[in-house]
Amino acid sequence: MNKKHIDFINEIGGVSRVSEYCSITKGAVSHWKKTNIPKAQLNFLSLKFPIEFKKIFGANQ
């Protein structure tokens, strides 16, 4: 479990919003809180929410 992934999910709107952004189930996003956000979805979300991404992960992620 990576606290940064949990913080990022919460920062951009929580499980429900992230599931809508990625067109997946809320259960899948909840699972990410235990296993981390998959790289493809993390890349997508970092482009959609660059300010929030940099706030949580820093500029060199």
N, C-alpha and C. Protein backbone atom coordinates (compact mmCIF):
# COMPACT_ATOMS: atom_id res chain seq x y z
N MET A 1 0.85 -1.18 0.00
CA MET A 1 0.00 0.00 0.00
C MET A 1 0.89 1.24 0.00
N ASN A 2 0.58 2.17 -0.88
CA ASN A 2 1.33 3.41 -0.98
C ASN A 2 0.40 4.56 -0.60
N LYS A 3 0.72 5.23 0.50
CA LYS A 3 -0.14 6.31 0.98
C LYS A 3 -0.31 7.42 -0.06
N LYS A 4 0.69 7.65 -0.90
CA LYS A 4 0.57 8.68 -1.92
C LYS A 4 -0.56 8.37 -2.89
N HIS A 5 -0.72 7.10 -3.25
CA HIS A 5 -1.80 6.72 -4.16
C HIS A 5 -3.16 6.98 -3.52
N ILE A 6 -3.28 6.66 -2.25
CA ILE A 6 -4.53 6.92 -1.52
C ILE A 6 -4.78 8.42 -1.44
N ASP A 7 -3.76 9.18 -1.12
CA ASP A 7 -3.90 10.64 -1.04
C ASP A 7 -4.31 11.22 -2.39
N PHE A 8 -3.73 10.72 -3.47
CA PHE A 8 -4.06 11.22 -4.80
C PHE A 8 -5.51 10.92 -5.15
N ILE A 9 -5.95 9.71 -4.89
CA ILE A 9 -7.36 9.36 -5.14
C ILE A 9 -8.28 10.30 -4.36
N ASN A 10 -7.97 10.51 -3.11
CA ASN A 10 -8.79 11.41 -2.29
C ASN A 10 -8.74 12.85 -2.78
N GLU A 11 -7.56 13.29 -3.19
CA GLU A 11 -7.36 14.68 -3.64
C GLU A 11 -8.17 14.99 -4.90
N ILE A 12 -8.32 14.03 -5.79
CA ILE A 12 -9.02 14.30 -7.05
C ILE A 12 -10.49 13.90 -7.01
N GLY A 13 -11.01 13.64 -5.82
CA GLY A 13 -12.45 13.47 -5.70
C GLY A 13 -12.92 12.19 -5.05
N GLY A 14 -12.03 11.30 -4.71
CA GLY A 14 -12.43 10.07 -4.05
C GLY A 14 -12.73 8.95 -5.01
N VAL A 15 -13.10 7.84 -4.45
CA VAL A 15 -13.32 6.60 -5.22
C VAL A 15 -14.38 6.78 -6.30
N SER A 16 -15.51 7.39 -5.96
CA SER A 16 -16.60 7.53 -6.93
C SER A 16 -16.18 8.37 -8.13
N ARG A 17 -15.57 9.50 -7.88
CA ARG A 17 -15.14 10.38 -8.98
C ARG A 17 -14.08 9.72 -9.85
N VAL A 18 -13.09 9.10 -9.21
CA VAL A 18 -12.02 8.46 -9.99
C VAL A 18 -12.59 7.32 -10.83
N SER A 19 -13.55 6.60 -10.31
CA SER A 19 -14.16 5.53 -11.10
C SER A 19 -14.87 6.10 -12.33
N GLU A 20 -15.48 7.27 -12.17
CA GLU A 20 -16.12 7.94 -13.32
C GLU A 20 -15.08 8.41 -14.32
N TYR A 21 -14.00 9.02 -13.84
CA TYR A 21 -12.95 9.52 -14.73
C TYR A 21 -12.36 8.39 -15.57
N CYS A 22 -12.19 7.23 -14.96
CA CYS A 22 -11.52 6.10 -15.63
C CYS A 22 -12.50 5.10 -16.23
N SER A 23 -13.79 5.35 -16.08
CA SER A 23 -14.83 4.45 -16.60
C SER A 23 -14.66 3.02 -16.11
N ILE A 24 -14.47 2.90 -14.80
CA ILE A 24 -14.34 1.59 -14.17
C ILE A 24 -15.20 1.57 -12.90
N THR A 25 -15.27 0.43 -12.27
CA THR A 25 -16.10 0.31 -11.07
C THR A 25 -15.44 0.96 -9.86
N LYS A 26 -16.29 1.32 -8.91
CA LYS A 26 -15.77 1.86 -7.65
C LYS A 26 -14.95 0.81 -6.91
N GLY A 27 -15.34 -0.45 -7.08
CA GLY A 27 -14.59 -1.54 -6.45
C GLY A 27 -13.16 -1.62 -6.95
N ALA A 28 -12.98 -1.39 -8.24
CA ALA A 28 -11.63 -1.42 -8.81
C ALA A 28 -10.77 -0.30 -8.22
N VAL A 29 -11.35 0.88 -8.10
CA VAL A 29 -10.61 2.01 -7.53
C VAL A 29 -10.31 1.75 -6.06
N SER A 30 -11.26 1.21 -5.33
CA SER A 30 -11.02 0.86 -3.93
C SER A 30 -9.86 -0.13 -3.81
N HIS A 31 -9.80 -1.05 -4.74
CA HIS A 31 -8.70 -2.03 -4.75
C HIS A 31 -7.35 -1.34 -4.95
N TRP A 32 -7.33 -0.27 -5.74
CA TRP A 32 -6.08 0.47 -5.96
C TRP A 32 -5.53 1.02 -4.66
N LYS A 33 -6.40 1.31 -3.72
CA LYS A 33 -5.92 1.83 -2.44
C LYS A 33 -5.07 0.80 -1.71
N LYS A 34 -5.25 -0.47 -2.05
CA LYS A 34 -4.47 -1.54 -1.44
C LYS A 34 -3.28 -1.93 -2.31
N THR A 35 -3.42 -1.78 -3.63
CA THR A 35 -2.40 -2.31 -4.55
C THR A 35 -1.70 -1.24 -5.37
N ASN A 36 -2.07 0.01 -5.23
CA ASN A 36 -1.57 1.16 -6.00
C ASN A 36 -2.32 1.30 -7.33
N ILE A 37 -2.33 2.50 -7.84
CA ILE A 37 -2.98 2.81 -9.11
C ILE A 37 -2.12 2.22 -10.22
N PRO A 38 -2.72 1.44 -11.14
CA PRO A 38 -1.93 0.90 -12.25
C PRO A 38 -1.30 2.02 -13.07
N LYS A 39 -0.15 1.73 -13.65
CA LYS A 39 0.64 2.75 -14.34
C LYS A 39 -0.14 3.49 -15.43
N ALA A 40 -0.89 2.78 -16.25
CA ALA A 40 -1.64 3.43 -17.33
C ALA A 40 -2.66 4.43 -16.78
N GLN A 41 -3.37 4.02 -15.74
CA GLN A 41 -4.37 4.92 -15.15
C GLN A 41 -3.70 6.07 -14.40
N LEU A 42 -2.56 5.79 -13.76
CA LEU A 42 -1.84 6.86 -13.08
C LEU A 42 -1.34 7.90 -14.08
N ASN A 43 -0.85 7.44 -15.23
CA ASN A 43 -0.42 8.38 -16.28
C ASN A 43 -1.59 9.23 -16.76
N PHE A 44 -2.73 8.59 -17.01
CA PHE A 44 -3.93 9.31 -17.45
C PHE A 44 -4.34 10.36 -16.41
N LEU A 45 -4.42 9.94 -15.15
CA LEU A 45 -4.86 10.85 -14.10
C LEU A 45 -3.85 11.96 -13.86
N SER A 46 -2.57 11.67 -14.03
CA SER A 46 -1.55 12.72 -13.85
C SER A 46 -1.66 13.80 -14.93
N LEU A 47 -2.08 13.41 -16.12
CA LEU A 47 -2.29 14.38 -17.19
C LEU A 47 -3.59 15.17 -16.99
N LYS A 48 -4.60 14.50 -16.46
CA LYS A 48 -5.89 15.15 -16.23
C LYS A 48 -5.84 16.09 -15.02
N PHE A 49 -5.00 15.74 -14.03
CA PHE A 49 -4.90 16.51 -12.79
C PHE A 49 -3.44 16.80 -12.46
N PRO A 50 -2.76 17.59 -13.29
CA PRO A 50 -1.31 17.79 -13.08
C PRO A 50 -0.97 18.51 -11.78
N ILE A 51 -1.79 19.44 -11.36
CA ILE A 51 -1.50 20.20 -10.14
C ILE A 51 -1.59 19.27 -8.92
N GLU A 52 -2.67 18.50 -8.86
CA GLU A 52 -2.86 17.59 -7.76
C GLU A 52 -1.78 16.49 -7.76
N PHE A 53 -1.43 16.02 -8.95
CA PHE A 53 -0.39 14.99 -9.06
C PHE A 53 0.93 15.51 -8.50
N LYS A 54 1.32 16.71 -8.92
CA LYS A 54 2.58 17.28 -8.42
C LYS A 54 2.53 17.55 -6.93
N LYS A 55 1.37 17.94 -6.43
CA LYS A 55 1.22 18.18 -5.00
C LYS A 55 1.49 16.91 -4.19
N ILE A 56 1.00 15.78 -4.67
CA ILE A 56 1.13 14.52 -3.94
C ILE A 56 2.44 13.81 -4.23
N PHE A 57 2.80 13.71 -5.50
CA PHE A 57 3.96 12.90 -5.90
C PHE A 57 5.23 13.71 -6.11
N GLY A 58 5.12 15.02 -6.21
CA GLY A 58 6.28 15.84 -6.51
C GLY A 58 6.51 15.91 -8.00
N ALA A 59 7.41 16.78 -8.41
CA ALA A 59 7.63 17.05 -9.83
C ALA A 59 8.40 15.93 -10.54
N ASN A 60 9.12 15.10 -9.81
CA ASN A 60 9.97 14.10 -10.44
C ASN A 60 9.43 12.69 -10.43
N GLN A 61 8.13 12.53 -10.36
CA GLN A 61 7.55 11.20 -10.34
C GLN A 61 7.57 10.60 -11.72
